[in-house]
């Protein structure tokens, strides 16, 4: 489902407010970066994802261009177990490049 910018940022703010655990994957022509964390900040221009757990906390700052295109989906049931434990997925695409995309997957945490 295609989302407008306001709707997509509403999803990001909800994830921030709920302290949802997110798996973030950034794909570009330069390579792939993956990060597991929680949104610490959401502004009109981007987000800050703070690492969750591990030996050190660090922040990943992601600027989201005004021309970005957003879509939201639910994960298919045929995914591997690790990825299947996601509730919803938000994809951010730079329409000027077929290679650049950011995917946020909300991870289901078990107690």
PDB file of N, CA and C in Angstrom:
ATOM      1  N   UNK A   1       0.838  -1.153   0.000  1.00  0.00           N
ATOM      2  CA  UNK A   1       0.000   0.000   0.000  1.00  0.00           C
ATOM      3  C   UNK A   1       0.902   1.240   0.000  1.00  0.00           C
ATOM      4  N   UNK A   2       0.676   2.135  -0.940  1.00  0.00           N
ATOM      5  CA  UNK A   2       1.440   3.376  -1.042  1.00  0.00           C
ATOM      6  C   UNK A   2       0.949   4.342   0.042  1.00  0.00           C
ATOM      7  N   UNK A   3       1.892   4.994   0.707  1.00  0.00           N
ATOM      8  CA  UNK A   3       1.564   5.968   1.751  1.00  0.00           C
ATOM      9  C   UNK A   3       2.064   7.343   1.343  1.00  0.00           C
ATOM     10  N   UNK A   4       1.384   8.369   1.813  1.00  0.00           N
ATOM     11  CA  UNK A   4       1.899   9.715   1.678  1.00  0.00           C
ATOM     12  C   UNK A   4       2.971   9.952   2.735  1.00  0.00           C
ATOM     13  N   UNK A   5       3.708  11.018   2.579  1.00  0.00           N
ATOM     14  CA  UNK A   5       4.782  11.329   3.530  1.00  0.00           C
ATOM     15  C   UNK A   5       4.247  11.481   4.954  1.00  0.00           C
ATOM     16  N   UNK A   6       3.133  12.212   5.117  1.00  0.00           N
ATOM     17  CA  UNK A   6       2.565  12.408   6.456  1.00  0.00           C
ATOM     18  C   UNK A   6       2.190  11.080   7.102  1.00  0.00           C
ATOM     19  N   UNK A   7       1.562  10.194   6.331  1.00  0.00           N
ATOM     20  CA  UNK A   7       1.185   8.879   6.868  1.00  0.00           C
ATOM     21  C   UNK A   7       2.414   8.067   7.264  1.00  0.00           C
ATOM     22  N   UNK A   8       3.441   8.089   6.416  1.00  0.00           N
ATOM     23  CA  UNK A   8       4.658   7.326   6.705  1.00  0.00           C
ATOM     24  C   UNK A   8       5.332   7.848   7.972  1.00  0.00           C
ATOM     25  N   UNK A   9       5.397   9.160   8.126  1.00  0.00           N
ATOM     26  CA  UNK A   9       6.014   9.717   9.323  1.00  0.00           C
ATOM     27  C   UNK A   9       5.155   9.468  10.559  1.00  0.00           C
ATOM     28  N   UNK A  10       3.853   9.340  10.388  1.00  0.00           N
ATOM     29  CA  UNK A  10       2.975   8.960  11.506  1.00  0.00           C
ATOM     30  C   UNK A  10       3.320   7.553  11.986  1.00  0.00           C
ATOM     31  N   UNK A  11       3.575   6.640  11.037  1.00  0.00           N
ATOM     32  CA  UNK A  11       3.993   5.278  11.385  1.00  0.00           C
ATOM     33  C   UNK A  11       5.326   5.324  12.140  1.00  0.00           C
ATOM     34  N   UNK A  12       6.277   6.093  11.632  1.00  0.00           N
ATOM     35  CA  UNK A  12       7.582   6.198  12.287  1.00  0.00           C
ATOM     36  C   UNK A  12       7.454   6.780  13.694  1.00  0.00           C
ATOM     37  N   UNK A  13       6.614   7.805  13.870  1.00  0.00           N
ATOM     38  CA  UNK A  13       6.419   8.388  15.211  1.00  0.00           C
ATOM     39  C   UNK A  13       5.743   7.392  16.152  1.00  0.00           C
ATOM     40  N   UNK A  14       4.804   6.611  15.630  1.00  0.00           N
ATOM     41  CA  UNK A  14       4.156   5.586  16.455  1.00  0.00           C
ATOM     42  C   UNK A  14       5.182   4.564  16.918  1.00  0.00           C
ATOM     43  N   UNK A  15       6.039   4.112  16.004  1.00  0.00           N
ATOM     44  CA  UNK A  15       7.086   3.162  16.386  1.00  0.00           C
ATOM     45  C   UNK A  15       8.017   3.772  17.427  1.00  0.00           C
ATOM     46  N   UNK A  16       8.339   5.057  17.267  1.00  0.00           N
ATOM     47  CA  UNK A  16       9.183   5.731  18.264  1.00  0.00           C
ATOM     48  C   UNK A  16       8.483   5.761  19.626  1.00  0.00           C
ATOM     49  N   UNK A  17       7.223   6.185  19.640  1.00  0.00           N
ATOM     50  CA  UNK A  17       6.477   6.314  20.896  1.00  0.00           C
ATOM     51  C   UNK A  17       6.277   4.974  21.594  1.00  0.00           C
ATOM     52  N   UNK A  18       6.094   3.914  20.806  1.00  0.00           N
ATOM     53  CA  UNK A  18       5.896   2.572  21.376  1.00  0.00           C
ATOM     54  C   UNK A  18       7.210   1.862  21.671  1.00  0.00           C
ATOM     55  N   UNK A  19       8.335   2.515  21.334  1.00  0.00           N
ATOM     56  CA  UNK A  19       9.667   1.922  21.499  1.00  0.00           C
ATOM     57  C   UNK A  19       9.748   0.559  20.796  1.00  0.00           C
ATOM     58  N   UNK A  20       9.163   0.492  19.613  1.00  0.00           N
ATOM     59  CA  UNK A  20       9.161  -0.744  18.825  1.00  0.00           C
ATOM     60  C   UNK A  20      10.586  -1.095  18.396  1.00  0.00           C
ATOM     61  N   UNK A  21      10.912  -2.377  18.454  1.00  0.00           N
ATOM     62  CA  UNK A  21      12.198  -2.863  17.964  1.00  0.00           C
ATOM     63  C   UNK A  21      12.104  -2.966  16.445  1.00  0.00           C
ATOM     64  N   UNK A  22      13.067  -2.342  15.747  1.00  0.00           N
ATOM     65  CA  UNK A  22      13.037  -2.300  14.288  1.00  0.00           C
ATOM     66  C   UNK A  22      14.314  -2.878  13.701  1.00  0.00           C
ATOM     67  N   UNK A  23      14.153  -3.600  12.607  1.00  0.00           N
ATOM     68  CA  UNK A  23      15.279  -4.036  11.790  1.00  0.00           C
ATOM     69  C   UNK A  23      15.299  -3.108  10.589  1.00  0.00           C
ATOM     70  N   UNK A  24      16.402  -2.399  10.402  1.00  0.00           N
ATOM     71  CA  UNK A  24      16.529  -1.442   9.307  1.00  0.00           C
ATOM     72  C   UNK A  24      17.570  -1.957   8.319  1.00  0.00           C
ATOM     73  N   UNK A  25      17.214  -1.953   7.047  1.00  0.00           N
ATOM     74  CA  UNK A  25      18.151  -2.333   5.995  1.00  0.00           C
ATOM     75  C   UNK A  25      18.196  -1.217   4.963  1.00  0.00           C
ATOM     76  N   UNK A  26      19.398  -0.684   4.742  1.00  0.00           N
ATOM     77  CA  UNK A  26      19.607   0.365   3.744  1.00  0.00           C
ATOM     78  C   UNK A  26      20.364  -0.263   2.580  1.00  0.00           C
ATOM     79  N   UNK A  27      19.766  -0.180   1.395  1.00  0.00           N
ATOM     80  CA  UNK A  27      20.408  -0.701   0.183  1.00  0.00           C
ATOM     81  C   UNK A  27      20.724   0.473  -0.738  1.00  0.00           C
ATOM     82  N   UNK A  28      21.945   0.485  -1.224  1.00  0.00           N
ATOM     83  CA  UNK A  28      22.327   1.525  -2.176  1.00  0.00           C
ATOM     84  C   UNK A  28      23.337   0.944  -3.156  1.00  0.00           C
ATOM     85  N   UNK A  29      23.725   1.740  -4.108  1.00  0.00           N
ATOM     86  CA  UNK A  29      24.723   1.276  -5.084  1.00  0.00           C
ATOM     87  C   UNK A  29      26.065   1.044  -4.410  1.00  0.00           C
ATOM     88  N   UNK A  30      26.244   1.562  -3.184  1.00  0.00           N
ATOM     89  CA  UNK A  30      27.500   1.395  -2.454  1.00  0.00           C
ATOM     90  C   UNK A  30      27.527   0.133  -1.607  1.00  0.00           C
ATOM     91  N   UNK A  31      26.365  -0.476  -1.368  1.00  0.00           N
ATOM     92  CA  UNK A  31      26.313  -1.682  -0.550  1.00  0.00           C
ATOM     93  C   UNK A  31      25.068  -1.717   0.319  1.00  0.00           C
ATOM     94  N   UNK A  32      25.126  -2.562   1.347  1.00  0.00           N
ATOM     95  CA  UNK A  32      23.989  -2.775   2.242  1.00  0.00           C
ATOM     96  C   UNK A  32      24.443  -2.522   3.674  1.00  0.00           C
ATOM     97  N   UNK A  33      23.587  -1.844   4.434  1.00  0.00           N
ATOM     98  CA  UNK A  33      23.830  -1.606   5.858  1.00  0.00           C
ATOM     99  C   UNK A  33      22.604  -2.115   6.606  1.00  0.00           C
ATOM    100  N   UNK A  34      22.820  -2.887   7.656  1.00  0.00           N
ATOM    101  CA  UNK A  34      21.712  -3.414   8.469  1.00  0.00           C
ATOM    102  C   UNK A  34      21.895  -2.984   9.914  1.00  0.00           C
ATOM    103  N   UNK A  35      20.788  -2.662  10.571  1.00  0.00           N
ATOM    104  CA  UNK A  35      20.837  -2.165  11.935  1.00  0.00           C
ATOM    105  C   UNK A  35      19.588  -2.621  12.684  1.00  0.00           C
ATOM    106  N   UNK A  36      19.761  -3.037  13.923  1.00  0.00           N
ATOM    107  CA  UNK A  36      18.651  -3.401  14.798  1.00  0.00           C
ATOM    108  C   UNK A  36      18.603  -2.372  15.914  1.00  0.00           C
ATOM    109  N   UNK A  37      17.457  -1.743  16.101  1.00  0.00           N
ATOM    110  CA  UNK A  37      17.387  -0.725  17.131  1.00  0.00           C
ATOM    111  C   UNK A  37      15.993  -0.160  17.290  1.00  0.00           C
ATOM    112  N   UNK A  38      15.937   0.975  17.989  1.00  0.00           N
ATOM    113  CA  UNK A  38      14.674   1.657  18.262  1.00  0.00           C
ATOM    114  C   UNK A  38      14.815   3.108  17.825  1.00  0.00           C
ATOM    115  N   UNK A  39      13.732   3.660  17.301  1.00  0.00           N
ATOM    116  CA  UNK A  39      13.776   5.050  16.875  1.00  0.00           C
ATOM    117  C   UNK A  39      13.900   5.953  18.090  1.00  0.00           C
ATOM    118  N   UNK A  40      14.902   6.770  18.075  1.00  0.00           N
ATOM    119  CA  UNK A  40      15.136   7.720  19.157  1.00  0.00           C
ATOM    120  C   UNK A  40      14.589   9.093  18.792  1.00  0.00           C
ATOM    121  N   UNK A  41      14.582   9.392  17.521  1.00  0.00           N
ATOM    122  CA  UNK A  41      14.087  10.686  17.079  1.00  0.00           C
ATOM    123  C   UNK A  41      13.447  10.601  15.716  1.00  0.00           C
ATOM    124  N   UNK A  42      12.411  11.390  15.511  1.00  0.00           N
ATOM    125  CA  UNK A  42      11.752  11.513  14.204  1.00  0.00           C
ATOM    126  C   UNK A  42      11.515  13.000  13.981  1.00  0.00           C
ATOM    127  N   UNK A  43      12.078  13.534  12.907  1.00  0.00           N
ATOM    128  CA  UNK A  43      11.850  14.928  12.529  1.00  0.00           C
ATOM    129  C   UNK A  43      11.182  14.935  11.162  1.00  0.00           C
ATOM    130  N   UNK A  44      10.888  16.116  10.657  1.00  0.00           N
ATOM    131  CA  UNK A  44      10.256  16.192   9.330  1.00  0.00           C
ATOM    132  C   UNK A  44      11.209  15.784   8.213  1.00  0.00           C
ATOM    133  N   UNK A  45      12.513  15.700   8.540  1.00  0.00           N
ATOM    134  CA  UNK A  45      13.522  15.396   7.529  1.00  0.00           C
ATOM    135  C   UNK A  45      14.168  14.022   7.668  1.00  0.00           C
ATOM    136  N   UNK A  46      13.855  13.288   8.731  1.00  0.00           N
ATOM    137  CA  UNK A  46      14.512  11.996   8.894  1.00  0.00           C
ATOM    138  C   UNK A  46      14.311  11.387  10.259  1.00  0.00           C
ATOM    139  N   UNK A  47      15.120  10.369  10.534  1.00  0.00           N
ATOM    140  CA  UNK A  47      14.992   9.616  11.784  1.00  0.00           C
ATOM    141  C   UNK A  47      16.370   9.326  12.367  1.00  0.00           C
ATOM    142  N   UNK A  48      16.371   9.021  13.660  1.00  0.00           N
ATOM    143  CA  UNK A  48      17.570   8.557  14.345  1.00  0.00           C
ATOM    144  C   UNK A  48      17.227   7.203  14.956  1.00  0.00           C
ATOM    145  N   UNK A  49      17.974   6.175  14.555  1.00  0.00           N
ATOM    146  CA  UNK A  49      17.777   4.814  15.057  1.00  0.00           C
ATOM    147  C   UNK A  49      18.925   4.502  16.008  1.00  0.00           C
ATOM    148  N   UNK A  50      18.603   4.168  17.258  1.00  0.00           N
ATOM    149  CA  UNK A  50      19.629   3.830  18.246  1.00  0.00           C
ATOM    150  C   UNK A  50      19.743   2.315  18.344  1.00  0.00           C
ATOM    151  N   UNK A  51      20.966   1.823  18.296  1.00  0.00           N
ATOM    152  CA  UNK A  51      21.222   0.384  18.415  1.00  0.00           C
ATOM    153  C   UNK A  51      20.602  -0.164  19.687  1.00  0.00           C
ATOM    154  N   UNK A  52      20.125  -1.383  19.612  1.00  0.00           N
ATOM    155  CA  UNK A  52      19.495  -2.025  20.761  1.00  0.00           C
ATOM    156  C   UNK A  52      20.367  -3.173  21.222  1.00  0.00           C
ATOM    157  N   UNK A  53      20.807  -3.133  22.465  1.00  0.00           N
ATOM    158  CA  UNK A  53      21.635  -4.218  23.005  1.00  0.00           C
ATOM    159  C   UNK A  53      23.050  -4.134  22.474  1.00  0.00           C
ATOM    160  N   UNK A  54      23.756  -5.228  22.621  1.00  0.00           N
ATOM    161  CA  UNK A  54      25.135  -5.249  22.158  1.00  0.00           C
ATOM    162  C   UNK A  54      26.066  -4.593  23.149  1.00  0.00           C
ATOM    163  N   UNK A  55      27.294  -4.386  22.745  1.00  0.00           N
ATOM    164  CA  UNK A  55      28.313  -3.843  23.634  1.00  0.00           C
ATOM    165  C   UNK A  55      28.278  -2.326  23.731  1.00  0.00           C
ATOM    166  N   UNK A  56      27.747  -1.669  22.711  1.00  0.00           N
ATOM    167  CA  UNK A  56      27.716  -0.213  22.746  1.00  0.00           C
ATOM    168  C   UNK A  56      26.468   0.289  22.040  1.00  0.00           C
ATOM    169  N   UNK A  57      26.022   1.444  22.482  1.00  0.00           N
ATOM    170  CA  UNK A  57      24.902   2.090  21.816  1.00  0.00           C
ATOM    171  C   UNK A  57      25.465   3.090  20.817  1.00  0.00           C
ATOM    172  N   UNK A  58      24.928   3.077  19.625  1.00  0.00           N
ATOM    173  CA  UNK A  58      25.292   4.107  18.669  1.00  0.00           C
ATOM    174  C   UNK A  58      24.058   4.481  17.870  1.00  0.00           C
ATOM    175  N   UNK A  59      24.090   5.671  17.314  1.00  0.00           N
ATOM    176  CA  UNK A  59      22.958   6.196  16.576  1.00  0.00           C
ATOM    177  C   UNK A  59      23.230   6.140  15.083  1.00  0.00           C
ATOM    178  N   UNK A  60      22.201   5.809  14.344  1.00  0.00           N
ATOM    179  CA  UNK A  60      22.233   5.790  12.892  1.00  0.00           C
ATOM    180  C   UNK A  60      21.264   6.877  12.432  1.00  0.00           C
ATOM    181  N   UNK A  61      21.775   7.899  11.785  1.00  0.00           N
ATOM    182  CA  UNK A  61      20.959   9.030  11.341  1.00  0.00           C
ATOM    183  C   UNK A  61      20.628   8.840   9.868  1.00  0.00           C
ATOM    184  N   UNK A  62      19.352   8.915   9.557  1.00  0.00           N
ATOM    185  CA  UNK A  62      18.897   8.709   8.188  1.00  0.00           C
ATOM    186  C   UNK A  62      18.085   9.918   7.735  1.00  0.00           C
ATOM    187  N   UNK A  63      18.615  10.639   6.763  1.00  0.00           N
ATOM    188  CA  UNK A  63      17.869  11.744   6.158  1.00  0.00           C
ATOM    189  C   UNK A  63      16.930  11.159   5.110  1.00  0.00           C
ATOM    190  N   UNK A  64      15.698  11.639   5.104  1.00  0.00           N
ATOM    191  CA  UNK A  64      14.703  11.161   4.143  1.00  0.00           C
ATOM    192  C   UNK A  64      14.351  12.331   3.224  1.00  0.00           C
ATOM    193  N   UNK A  65      14.697  12.182   1.961  1.00  0.00           N
ATOM    194  CA  UNK A  65      14.507  13.262   0.991  1.00  0.00           C
ATOM    195  C   UNK A  65      13.030  13.580   0.785  1.00  0.00           C
ATOM    196  N   UNK A  66      12.747  14.824   0.454  1.00  0.00           N
ATOM    197  CA  UNK A  66      11.360  15.221   0.199  1.00  0.00           C
ATOM    198  C   UNK A  66      10.726  14.446  -0.953  1.00  0.00           C
ATOM    199  N   UNK A  67      11.534  13.923  -1.862  1.00  0.00           N
ATOM    200  CA  UNK A  67      11.007  13.199  -3.028  1.00  0.00           C
ATOM    201  C   UNK A  67      10.799  11.707  -2.749  1.00  0.00           C
ATOM    202  N   UNK A  68      11.077  11.252  -1.529  1.00  0.00           N
ATOM    203  CA  UNK A  68      10.975   9.820  -1.218  1.00  0.00           C
ATOM    204  C   UNK A  68       9.547   9.312  -1.406  1.00  0.00           C
ATOM    205  N   UNK A  69       9.458   8.047  -1.795  1.00  0.00           N
ATOM    206  CA  UNK A  69       8.191   7.358  -1.971  1.00  0.00           C
ATOM    207  C   UNK A  69       8.094   6.303  -0.869  1.00  0.00           C
ATOM    208  N   UNK A  70       6.908   6.150  -0.272  1.00  0.00           N
ATOM    209  CA  UNK A  70       6.725   5.261   0.874  1.00  0.00           C
ATOM    210  C   UNK A  70       5.684   4.189   0.569  1.00  0.00           C
ATOM    211  N   UNK A  71       5.938   2.986   1.068  1.00  0.00           N
ATOM    212  CA  UNK A  71       4.917   1.940   0.998  1.00  0.00           C
ATOM    213  C   UNK A  71       4.976   1.120   2.276  1.00  0.00           C
ATOM    214  N   UNK A  72       3.836   0.544   2.627  1.00  0.00           N
ATOM    215  CA  UNK A  72       3.748  -0.267   3.852  1.00  0.00           C
ATOM    216  C   UNK A  72       3.073  -1.578   3.493  1.00  0.00           C
ATOM    217  N   UNK A  73       3.554  -2.641   4.114  1.00  0.00           N
ATOM    218  CA  UNK A  73       3.009  -3.959   3.828  1.00  0.00           C
ATOM    219  C   UNK A  73       3.131  -4.848   5.053  1.00  0.00           C
ATOM    220  N   UNK A  74       2.508  -5.954   4.993  1.00  0.00           N
ATOM    221  CA  UNK A  74       2.678  -6.998   6.003  1.00  0.00           C
ATOM    222  C   UNK A  74       3.599  -8.046   5.395  1.00  0.00           C
ATOM    223  N   UNK A  75       4.437  -8.670   6.220  1.00  0.00           N
ATOM    224  CA  UNK A  75       5.362  -9.671   5.658  1.00  0.00           C
ATOM    225  C   UNK A  75       4.613 -10.905   5.167  1.00  0.00           C
ATOM    226  N   UNK A  76       5.078 -11.496   4.068  1.00  0.00           N
ATOM    227  CA  UNK A  76       4.461 -12.743   3.595  1.00  0.00           C
ATOM    228  C   UNK A  76       4.726 -13.876   4.583  1.00  0.00           C
ATOM    229  N   UNK A  77       3.868 -14.848   4.602  1.00  0.00           N
ATOM    230  CA  UNK A  77       3.990 -15.973   5.545  1.00  0.00           C
ATOM    231  C   UNK A  77       5.096 -16.952   5.162  1.00  0.00           C
ATOM    232  N   UNK A  78       5.675 -16.795   4.004  1.00  0.00           N
ATOM    233  CA  UNK A  78       6.676 -17.749   3.527  1.00  0.00           C
ATOM    234  C   UNK A  78       8.106 -17.352   3.871  1.00  0.00           C
ATOM    235  N   UNK A  79       8.278 -16.359   4.723  1.00  0.00           N
ATOM    236  CA  UNK A  79       9.624 -15.907   5.074  1.00  0.00           C
ATOM    237  C   UNK A  79      10.281 -16.848   6.080  1.00  0.00           C
ATOM    238  N   UNK A  80      11.614 -16.833   6.166  1.00  0.00           N
ATOM    239  CA  UNK A  80      12.311 -17.617   7.192  1.00  0.00           C
ATOM    240  C   UNK A  80      11.899 -17.159   8.589  1.00  0.00           C
ATOM    241  N   UNK A  81      12.109 -18.015   9.593  1.00  0.00           N
ATOM    242  CA  UNK A  81      11.661 -17.741  10.954  1.00  0.00           C
ATOM    243  C   UNK A  81      12.131 -16.393  11.487  1.00  0.00           C
ATOM    244  N   UNK A  82      13.385 -16.043  11.270  1.00  0.00           N
ATOM    245  CA  UNK A  82      13.914 -14.800  11.815  1.00  0.00           C
ATOM    246  C   UNK A  82      13.168 -13.595  11.260  1.00  0.00           C
ATOM    247  N   UNK A  83      12.897 -13.611   9.979  1.00  0.00           N
ATOM    248  CA  UNK A  83      12.215 -12.487   9.345  1.00  0.00           C
ATOM    249  C   UNK A  83      10.711 -12.572   9.551  1.00  0.00           C
ATOM    250  N   UNK A  84      10.176 -13.774   9.727  1.00  0.00           N
ATOM    251  CA  UNK A  84       8.741 -13.967   9.910  1.00  0.00           C
ATOM    252  C   UNK A  84       8.255 -13.296  11.191  1.00  0.00           C
ATOM    253  N   UNK A  85       9.149 -13.054  12.129  1.00  0.00           N
ATOM    254  CA  UNK A  85       8.769 -12.453  13.403  1.00  0.00           C
ATOM    255  C   UNK A  85       8.625 -10.939  13.267  1.00  0.00           C
ATOM    256  N   UNK A  86       8.082 -10.487  12.150  1.00  0.00           N
ATOM    257  CA  UNK A  86       7.846  -9.064  11.955  1.00  0.00           C
ATOM    258  C   UNK A  86       6.356  -8.807  11.836  1.00  0.00           C
ATOM    259  N   UNK A  87       5.956  -7.632  12.294  1.00  0.00           N
ATOM    260  CA  UNK A  87       4.548  -7.262  12.310  1.00  0.00           C
ATOM    261  C   UNK A  87       4.170  -6.465  11.065  1.00  0.00           C
ATOM    262  N   UNK A  88       4.982  -5.503  10.689  1.00  0.00           N
ATOM    263  CA  UNK A  88       4.710  -4.720   9.477  1.00  0.00           C
ATOM    264  C   UNK A  88       6.018  -4.164   8.941  1.00  0.00           C
ATOM    265  N   UNK A  89       5.980  -3.748   7.702  1.00  0.00           N
ATOM    266  CA  UNK A  89       7.181  -3.297   7.015  1.00  0.00           C
ATOM    267  C   UNK A  89       6.882  -1.952   6.353  1.00  0.00           C
ATOM    268  N   UNK A  90       7.823  -1.014   6.494  1.00  0.00           N
ATOM    269  CA  UNK A  90       7.740   0.280   5.816  1.00  0.00           C
ATOM    270  C   UNK A  90       8.947   0.387   4.900  1.00  0.00           C
ATOM    271  N   UNK A  91       8.701   0.662   3.630  1.00  0.00           N
ATOM    272  CA  UNK A  91       9.776   0.782   2.646  1.00  0.00           C
ATOM    273  C   UNK A  91       9.821   2.231   2.156  1.00  0.00           C
ATOM    274  N   UNK A  92      11.035   2.782   2.106  1.00  0.00           N
ATOM    275  CA  UNK A  92      11.253   4.141   1.623  1.00  0.00           C
ATOM    276  C   UNK A  92      12.160   4.039   0.403  1.00  0.00           C
ATOM    277  N   UNK A  93      11.695   4.573  -0.718  1.00  0.00           N
ATOM    278  CA  UNK A  93      12.436   4.447  -1.976  1.00  0.00           C
ATOM    279  C   UNK A  93      12.760   5.836  -2.512  1.00  0.00           C
ATOM    280  N   UNK A  94      13.971   5.992  -3.000  1.00  0.00           N
ATOM    281  CA  UNK A  94      14.363   7.216  -3.684  1.00  0.00           C
ATOM    282  C   UNK A  94      13.993   7.031  -5.157  1.00  0.00           C
ATOM    283  N   UNK A  95      13.010   7.765  -5.651  1.00  0.00           N
ATOM    284  CA  UNK A  95      12.540   7.532  -7.029  1.00  0.00           C
ATOM    285  C   UNK A  95      13.581   7.859  -8.101  1.00  0.00           C
ATOM    286  N   UNK A  96      14.636   8.588  -7.729  1.00  0.00           N
ATOM    287  CA  UNK A  96      15.671   8.919  -8.717  1.00  0.00           C
ATOM    288  C   UNK A  96      16.641   7.774  -8.932  1.00  0.00           C
ATOM    289  N   UNK A  97      16.597   6.769  -8.077  1.00  0.00           N
ATOM    290  CA  UNK A  97      17.525   5.646  -8.182  1.00  0.00           C
ATOM    291  C   UNK A  97      16.781   4.336  -7.991  1.00  0.00           C
ATOM    292  N   UNK A  98      17.025   3.385  -8.856  1.00  0.00           N
ATOM    293  CA  UNK A  98      16.391   2.077  -8.717  1.00  0.00           C
ATOM    294  C   UNK A  98      17.084   1.235  -7.655  1.00  0.00           C
ATOM    295  N   UNK A  99      18.253   1.677  -7.203  1.00  0.00           N
ATOM    296  CA  UNK A  99      19.044   0.876  -6.274  1.00  0.00           C
ATOM    297  C   UNK A  99      18.889   1.298  -4.821  1.00  0.00           C
ATOM    298  N   UNK A 100      18.450   2.516  -4.555  1.00  0.00           N
ATOM    299  CA  UNK A 100      18.424   3.038  -3.190  1.00  0.00           C
ATOM    300  C   UNK A 100      17.069   2.814  -2.538  1.00  0.00           C
ATOM    301  N   UNK A 101      17.073   2.094  -1.413  1.00  0.00           N
ATOM    302  CA  UNK A 101      15.846   1.836  -0.662  1.00  0.00           C
ATOM    303  C   UNK A 101      16.190   1.585   0.796  1.00  0.00           C
ATOM    304  N   UNK A 102      15.270   1.967   1.674  1.00  0.00           N
ATOM    305  CA  UNK A 102      15.392   1.717   3.102  1.00  0.00           C
ATOM    306  C   UNK A 102      14.171   0.927   3.524  1.00  0.00           C
ATOM    307  N   UNK A 103      14.387  -0.159   4.261  1.00  0.00           N
ATOM    308  CA  UNK A 103      13.289  -0.976   4.757  1.00  0.00           C
ATOM    309  C   UNK A 103      13.346  -1.012   6.275  1.00  0.00           C
ATOM    310  N   UNK A 104      12.224  -0.661   6.911  1.00  0.00           N
ATOM    311  CA  UNK A 104      12.081  -0.809   8.358  1.00  0.00           C
ATOM    312  C   UNK A 104      11.096  -1.949   8.596  1.00  0.00           C
ATOM    313  N   UNK A 105      11.520  -2.963   9.354  1.00  0.00           N
ATOM    314  CA  UNK A 105      10.640  -4.075   9.714  1.00  0.00           C
ATOM    315  C   UNK A 105      10.438  -4.058  11.220  1.00  0.00           C
ATOM    316  N   UNK A 106       9.188  -4.008  11.645  1.00  0.00           N
ATOM    317  CA  UNK A 106       8.889  -4.025  13.078  1.00  0.00           C
ATOM    318  C   UNK A 106       9.014  -5.450  13.588  1.00  0.00           C
ATOM    319  N   UNK A 107       9.921  -5.678  14.526  1.00  0.00           N
ATOM    320  CA  UNK A 107      10.198  -7.010  15.042  1.00  0.00           C
ATOM    321  C   UNK A 107       9.278  -7.311  16.214  1.00  0.00           C
ATOM    322  N   UNK A 108       8.677  -8.485  16.216  1.00  0.00           N
ATOM    323  CA  UNK A 108       7.818  -8.920  17.324  1.00  0.00           C
ATOM    324  C   UNK A 108       8.733  -9.425  18.433  1.00  0.00           C
ATOM    325  N   UNK A 109       8.655  -8.773  19.579  1.00  0.00           N
ATOM    326  CA  UNK A 109       9.472  -9.182  20.719  1.00  0.00           C
ATOM    327  C   UNK A 109       8.702 -10.175  21.581  1.00  0.00           C
ATOM    328  N   UNK A 110       9.401 -11.196  22.029  1.00  0.00           N
ATOM    329  CA  UNK A 110       8.775 -12.173  22.928  1.00  0.00           C
ATOM    330  C   UNK A 110       9.398 -12.007  24.309  1.00  0.00           C
ATOM    331  N   UNK A 111       8.569 -12.191  25.311  1.00  0.00           N
ATOM    332  CA  UNK A 111       9.037 -12.011  26.700  1.00  0.00           C
ATOM    333  C   UNK A 111       9.867 -13.168  27.173  1.00  0.00           C
TER     334      UNK A 111
END
